[in-house]
Amino acid sequence: RIAAGRLAAEGIAAVVIDCETSIGLGLAAEVAGWLRAPVMRPDELRADYLATAVRAAA
């Protein structure tokens, strides 16, 4: 959590990939909150979606 906060404070853009299956614990969303980053699922990992998410996070 501390490292994620430092990255966010430095303005480093990030995208979190949520790979949880079956039982979702919400960990990706939690990490994304610390990073101030969007969350994407693997099925959303098309180049255009990923590029849009990275640009929006930057």
PDB file of N, CA and C in Angstrom:
ATOM      1  N   ARG A   1       0.823  -1.187   0.000  1.00  0.00           N
ATOM      2  CA  ARG A   1       0.000   0.000   0.000  1.00  0.00           C
ATOM      3  C   ARG A   1       0.869   1.254   0.000  1.00  0.00           C
ATOM      4  N   ILE A   2       1.937   1.232   0.760  1.00  0.00           N
ATOM      5  CA  ILE A   2       2.832   2.386   0.824  1.00  0.00           C
ATOM      6  C   ILE A   2       3.473   2.637  -0.532  1.00  0.00           C
ATOM      7  N   ALA A   3       3.944   1.575  -1.165  1.00  0.00           N
ATOM      8  CA  ALA A   3       4.572   1.716  -2.487  1.00  0.00           C
ATOM      9  C   ALA A   3       3.576   2.266  -3.501  1.00  0.00           C
ATOM     10  N   ALA A   4       2.347   1.779  -3.467  1.00  0.00           N
ATOM     11  CA  ALA A   4       1.327   2.269  -4.400  1.00  0.00           C
ATOM     12  C   ALA A   4       1.056   3.749  -4.160  1.00  0.00           C
ATOM     13  N   GLY A   5       1.001   4.147  -2.913  1.00  0.00           N
ATOM     14  CA  GLY A   5       0.796   5.553  -2.591  1.00  0.00           C
ATOM     15  C   GLY A   5       1.923   6.429  -3.097  1.00  0.00           C
ATOM     16  N   ARG A   6       3.138   5.924  -2.997  1.00  0.00           N
ATOM     17  CA  ARG A   6       4.292   6.687  -3.497  1.00  0.00           C
ATOM     18  C   ARG A   6       4.241   6.825  -5.015  1.00  0.00           C
ATOM     19  N   LEU A   7       3.887   5.739  -5.696  1.00  0.00           N
ATOM     20  CA  LEU A   7       3.760   5.805  -7.158  1.00  0.00           C
ATOM     21  C   LEU A   7       2.696   6.822  -7.556  1.00  0.00           C
ATOM     22  N   ALA A   8       1.563   6.780  -6.889  1.00  0.00           N
ATOM     23  CA  ALA A   8       0.489   7.725  -7.193  1.00  0.00           C
ATOM     24  C   ALA A   8       0.931   9.155  -6.914  1.00  0.00           C
ATOM     25  N   ALA A   9       1.631   9.369  -5.795  1.00  0.00           N
ATOM     26  CA  ALA A   9       2.104  10.708  -5.444  1.00  0.00           C
ATOM     27  C   ALA A   9       3.091  11.252  -6.469  1.00  0.00           C
ATOM     28  N   GLU A  10       3.862  10.361  -7.070  1.00  0.00           N
ATOM     29  CA  GLU A  10       4.822  10.772  -8.105  1.00  0.00           C
ATOM     30  C   GLU A  10       4.149  11.009  -9.452  1.00  0.00           C
ATOM     31  N   GLY A  11       2.864  10.679  -9.533  1.00  0.00           N
ATOM     32  CA  GLY A  11       2.142  10.876 -10.786  1.00  0.00           C
ATOM     33  C   GLY A  11       2.427   9.800 -11.820  1.00  0.00           C
ATOM     34  N   ILE A  12       2.886   8.652 -11.368  1.00  0.00           N
ATOM     35  CA  ILE A  12       3.191   7.548 -12.279  1.00  0.00           C
ATOM     36  C   ILE A  12       1.893   6.853 -12.662  1.00  0.00           C
ATOM     37  N   ALA A  13       1.620   6.806 -13.949  1.00  0.00           N
ATOM     38  CA  ALA A  13       0.389   6.196 -14.446  1.00  0.00           C
ATOM     39  C   ALA A  13       0.457   4.683 -14.314  1.00  0.00           C
ATOM     40  N   ALA A  14      -0.682   4.084 -14.014  1.00  0.00           N
ATOM     41  CA  ALA A  14      -0.755   2.630 -13.868  1.00  0.00           C
ATOM     42  C   ALA A  14      -2.120   2.147 -14.321  1.00  0.00           C
ATOM     43  N   VAL A  15      -2.176   0.894 -14.656  1.00  0.00           N
ATOM     44  CA  VAL A  15      -3.423   0.195 -14.931  1.00  0.00           C
ATOM     45  C   VAL A  15      -3.339  -1.125 -14.178  1.00  0.00           C
ATOM     46  N   VAL A  16      -4.395  -1.480 -13.455  1.00  0.00           N
ATOM     47  CA  VAL A  16      -4.424  -2.725 -12.697  1.00  0.00           C
ATOM     48  C   VAL A  16      -5.240  -3.750 -13.475  1.00  0.00           C
ATOM     49  N   ILE A  17      -4.674  -4.945 -13.657  1.00  0.00           N
ATOM     50  CA  ILE A  17      -5.370  -6.027 -14.337  1.00  0.00           C
ATOM     51  C   ILE A  17      -5.968  -6.948 -13.277  1.00  0.00           C
ATOM     52  N   ASP A  18      -7.284  -7.063 -13.267  1.00  0.00           N
ATOM     53  CA  ASP A  18      -7.996  -7.886 -12.292  1.00  0.00           C
ATOM     54  C   ASP A  18      -8.098  -9.311 -12.817  1.00  0.00           C
ATOM     55  N   CYS A  19      -7.287 -10.197 -12.281  1.00  0.00           N
ATOM     56  CA  CYS A  19      -7.251 -11.601 -12.720  1.00  0.00           C
ATOM     57  C   CYS A  19      -7.979 -12.526 -11.755  1.00  0.00           C
ATOM     58  N   GLU A  20      -8.703 -11.962 -10.805  1.00  0.00           N
ATOM     59  CA  GLU A  20      -9.434 -12.808  -9.866  1.00  0.00           C
ATOM     60  C   GLU A  20     -10.531 -13.561 -10.615  1.00  0.00           C
ATOM     61  N   THR A  21     -10.679 -14.828 -10.293  1.00  0.00           N
ATOM     62  CA  THR A  21     -11.737 -15.639 -10.884  1.00  0.00           C
ATOM     63  C   THR A  21     -12.558 -16.269  -9.772  1.00  0.00           C
ATOM     64  N   SER A  22     -13.712 -16.752 -10.121  1.00  0.00           N
ATOM     65  CA  SER A  22     -14.629 -17.393  -9.172  1.00  0.00           C
ATOM     66  C   SER A  22     -14.958 -16.455  -8.025  1.00  0.00           C
ATOM     67  N   ILE A  23     -14.208 -16.546  -6.957  1.00  0.00           N
ATOM     68  CA  ILE A  23     -14.465 -15.714  -5.782  1.00  0.00           C
ATOM     69  C   ILE A  23     -13.659 -14.431  -5.911  1.00  0.00           C
ATOM     70  N   GLY A  24     -14.353 -13.332  -6.108  1.00  0.00           N
ATOM     71  CA  GLY A  24     -13.667 -12.053  -6.213  1.00  0.00           C
ATOM     72  C   GLY A  24     -13.499 -11.430  -4.838  1.00  0.00           C
ATOM     73  N   LEU A  25     -12.278 -11.187  -4.459  1.00  0.00           N
ATOM     74  CA  LEU A  25     -11.997 -10.588  -3.155  1.00  0.00           C
ATOM     75  C   LEU A  25     -11.917  -9.067  -3.217  1.00  0.00           C
ATOM     76  N   GLY A  26     -11.910  -8.533  -4.428  1.00  0.00           N
ATOM     77  CA  GLY A  26     -11.832  -7.090  -4.574  1.00  0.00           C
ATOM     78  C   GLY A  26     -10.441  -6.517  -4.388  1.00  0.00           C
ATOM     79  N   LEU A  27      -9.438  -7.374  -4.431  1.00  0.00           N
ATOM     80  CA  LEU A  27      -8.070  -6.902  -4.194  1.00  0.00           C
ATOM     81  C   LEU A  27      -7.577  -5.979  -5.302  1.00  0.00           C
ATOM     82  N   ALA A  28      -7.922  -6.285  -6.537  1.00  0.00           N
ATOM     83  CA  ALA A  28      -7.484  -5.434  -7.648  1.00  0.00           C
ATOM     84  C   ALA A  28      -8.070  -4.037  -7.505  1.00  0.00           C
ATOM     85  N   ALA A  29      -9.327  -3.960  -7.146  1.00  0.00           N
ATOM     86  CA  ALA A  29      -9.957  -2.652  -6.959  1.00  0.00           C
ATOM     87  C   ALA A  29      -9.305  -1.887  -5.814  1.00  0.00           C
ATOM     88  N   GLU A  30      -8.929  -2.603  -4.775  1.00  0.00           N
ATOM     89  CA  GLU A  30      -8.261  -1.965  -3.638  1.00  0.00           C
ATOM     90  C   GLU A  30      -6.905  -1.396  -4.057  1.00  0.00           C
ATOM     91  N   VAL A  31      -6.118  -2.194  -4.764  1.00  0.00           N
ATOM     92  CA  VAL A  31      -4.811  -1.732  -5.242  1.00  0.00           C
ATOM     93  C   VAL A  31      -4.992  -0.568  -6.208  1.00  0.00           C
ATOM     94  N   ALA A  32      -5.979  -0.674  -7.085  1.00  0.00           N
ATOM     95  CA  ALA A  32      -6.241   0.407  -8.036  1.00  0.00           C
ATOM     96  C   ALA A  32      -6.586   1.705  -7.310  1.00  0.00           C
ATOM     97  N   GLY A  33      -7.311   1.601  -6.231  1.00  0.00           N
ATOM     98  CA  GLY A  33      -7.631   2.786  -5.435  1.00  0.00           C
ATOM     99  C   GLY A  33      -6.386   3.440  -4.873  1.00  0.00           C
ATOM    100  N   TRP A  34      -5.469   2.625  -4.375  1.00  0.00           N
ATOM    101  CA  TRP A  34      -4.214   3.168  -3.839  1.00  0.00           C
ATOM    102  C   TRP A  34      -3.395   3.834  -4.932  1.00  0.00           C
ATOM    103  N   LEU A  35      -3.432   3.240  -6.128  1.00  0.00           N
ATOM    104  CA  LEU A  35      -2.652   3.773  -7.251  1.00  0.00           C
ATOM    105  C   LEU A  35      -3.360   4.900  -7.995  1.00  0.00           C
ATOM    106  N   ARG A  36      -4.655   5.078  -7.680  1.00  0.00           N
ATOM    107  CA  ARG A  36      -5.494   6.010  -8.459  1.00  0.00           C
ATOM    108  C   ARG A  36      -5.464   5.602  -9.930  1.00  0.00           C
ATOM    109  N   ALA A  37      -5.688   4.318 -10.157  1.00  0.00           N
ATOM    110  CA  ALA A  37      -5.573   3.726 -11.489  1.00  0.00           C
ATOM    111  C   ALA A  37      -6.864   3.012 -11.874  1.00  0.00           C
ATOM    112  N   PRO A  38      -7.117   2.902 -13.165  1.00  0.00           N
ATOM    113  CA  PRO A  38      -8.282   2.129 -13.607  1.00  0.00           C
ATOM    114  C   PRO A  38      -8.024   0.628 -13.458  1.00  0.00           C
ATOM    115  N   VAL A  39      -9.099  -0.131 -13.408  1.00  0.00           N
ATOM    116  CA  VAL A  39      -9.025  -1.591 -13.325  1.00  0.00           C
ATOM    117  C   VAL A  39      -9.575  -2.165 -14.623  1.00  0.00           C
ATOM    118  N   MET A  40      -8.873  -3.148 -15.166  1.00  0.00           N
ATOM    119  CA  MET A  40      -9.338  -3.830 -16.371  1.00  0.00           C
ATOM    120  C   MET A  40      -9.320  -5.328 -16.123  1.00  0.00           C
ATOM    121  N   ARG A  41     -10.251  -6.028 -16.767  1.00  0.00           N
ATOM    122  CA  ARG A  41     -10.265  -7.490 -16.724  1.00  0.00           C
ATOM    123  C   ARG A  41      -9.513  -8.016 -17.939  1.00  0.00           C
ATOM    124  N   PRO A  42      -9.012  -9.243 -17.874  1.00  0.00           N
ATOM    125  CA  PRO A  42      -8.265  -9.795 -19.012  1.00  0.00           C
ATOM    126  C   PRO A  42      -9.032  -9.754 -20.328  1.00  0.00           C
ATOM    127  N   ASP A  43     -10.365  -9.921 -20.269  1.00  0.00           N
ATOM    128  CA  ASP A  43     -11.140  -9.883 -21.512  1.00  0.00           C
ATOM    129  C   ASP A  43     -11.211  -8.483 -22.120  1.00  0.00           C
ATOM    130  N   GLU A  44     -10.791  -7.487 -21.381  1.00  0.00           N
ATOM    131  CA  GLU A  44     -10.757  -6.113 -21.885  1.00  0.00           C
ATOM    132  C   GLU A  44      -9.389  -5.727 -22.445  1.00  0.00           C
ATOM    133  N   LEU A  45      -8.466  -6.655 -22.456  1.00  0.00           N
ATOM    134  CA  LEU A  45      -7.094  -6.334 -22.835  1.00  0.00           C
ATOM    135  C   LEU A  45      -6.880  -6.326 -24.343  1.00  0.00           C
ATOM    136  N   ARG A  46      -7.696  -5.589 -25.009  1.00  0.00           N
ATOM    137  CA  ARG A  46      -7.455  -5.319 -26.422  1.00  0.00           C
ATOM    138  C   ARG A  46      -6.592  -4.066 -26.470  1.00  0.00           C
ATOM    139  N   ALA A  47      -5.797  -3.972 -27.477  1.00  0.00           N
ATOM    140  CA  ALA A  47      -4.840  -2.860 -27.583  1.00  0.00           C
ATOM    141  C   ALA A  47      -5.527  -1.508 -27.476  1.00  0.00           C
ATOM    142  N   ASP A  48      -6.667  -1.337 -28.142  1.00  0.00           N
ATOM    143  CA  ASP A  48      -7.329  -0.032 -28.109  1.00  0.00           C
ATOM    144  C   ASP A  48      -7.862   0.299 -26.718  1.00  0.00           C
ATOM    145  N   TYR A  49      -8.434  -0.675 -26.000  1.00  0.00           N
ATOM    146  CA  TYR A  49      -8.922  -0.425 -24.650  1.00  0.00           C
ATOM    147  C   TYR A  49      -7.773  -0.112 -23.699  1.00  0.00           C
ATOM    148  N   LEU A  50      -6.711  -0.885 -23.812  1.00  0.00           N
ATOM    149  CA  LEU A  50      -5.561  -0.685 -22.936  1.00  0.00           C
ATOM    150  C   LEU A  50      -4.912   0.670 -23.189  1.00  0.00           C
ATOM    151  N   ALA A  51      -4.765   1.041 -24.445  1.00  0.00           N
ATOM    152  CA  ALA A  51      -4.179   2.343 -24.782  1.00  0.00           C
ATOM    153  C   ALA A  51      -5.040   3.475 -24.234  1.00  0.00           C
ATOM    154  N   THR A  52      -6.350   3.341 -24.344  1.00  0.00           N
ATOM    155  CA  THR A  52      -7.256   4.365 -23.819  1.00  0.00           C
ATOM    156  C   THR A  52      -7.125   4.472 -22.305  1.00  0.00           C
ATOM    157  N   ALA A  53      -7.055   3.337 -21.616  1.00  0.00           N
ATOM    158  CA  ALA A  53      -6.928   3.348 -20.157  1.00  0.00           C
ATOM    159  C   ALA A  53      -5.614   3.975 -19.718  1.00  0.00           C
ATOM    160  N   VAL A  54      -4.537   3.659 -20.407  1.00  0.00           N
ATOM    161  CA  VAL A  54      -3.231   4.225 -20.054  1.00  0.00           C
ATOM    162  C   VAL A  54      -3.222   5.728 -20.297  1.00  0.00           C
ATOM    163  N   ARG A  55      -3.766   6.154 -21.413  1.00  0.00           N
ATOM    164  CA  ARG A  55      -3.812   7.606 -21.699  1.00  0.00           C
ATOM    165  C   ARG A  55      -4.658   8.340 -20.668  1.00  0.00           C
ATOM    166  N   ALA A  56      -5.766   7.745 -20.270  1.00  0.00           N
ATOM    167  CA  ALA A  56      -6.635   8.380 -19.282  1.00  0.00           C
ATOM    168  C   ALA A  56      -5.952   8.463 -17.922  1.00  0.00           C
ATOM    169  N   ALA A  57      -5.112   7.476 -17.606  1.00  0.00           N
ATOM    170  CA  ALA A  57      -4.420   7.459 -16.318  1.00  0.00           C
ATOM    171  C   ALA A  57      -3.237   8.410 -16.287  1.00  0.00           C
ATOM    172  N   ALA A  58      -2.721   8.769 -17.446  1.00  0.00           N
ATOM    173  CA  ALA A  58      -1.516   9.608 -17.508  1.00  0.00           C
ATOM    174  C   ALA A  58      -1.821  11.058 -17.214  1.00  0.00           C
TER     175      ALA A  58
END
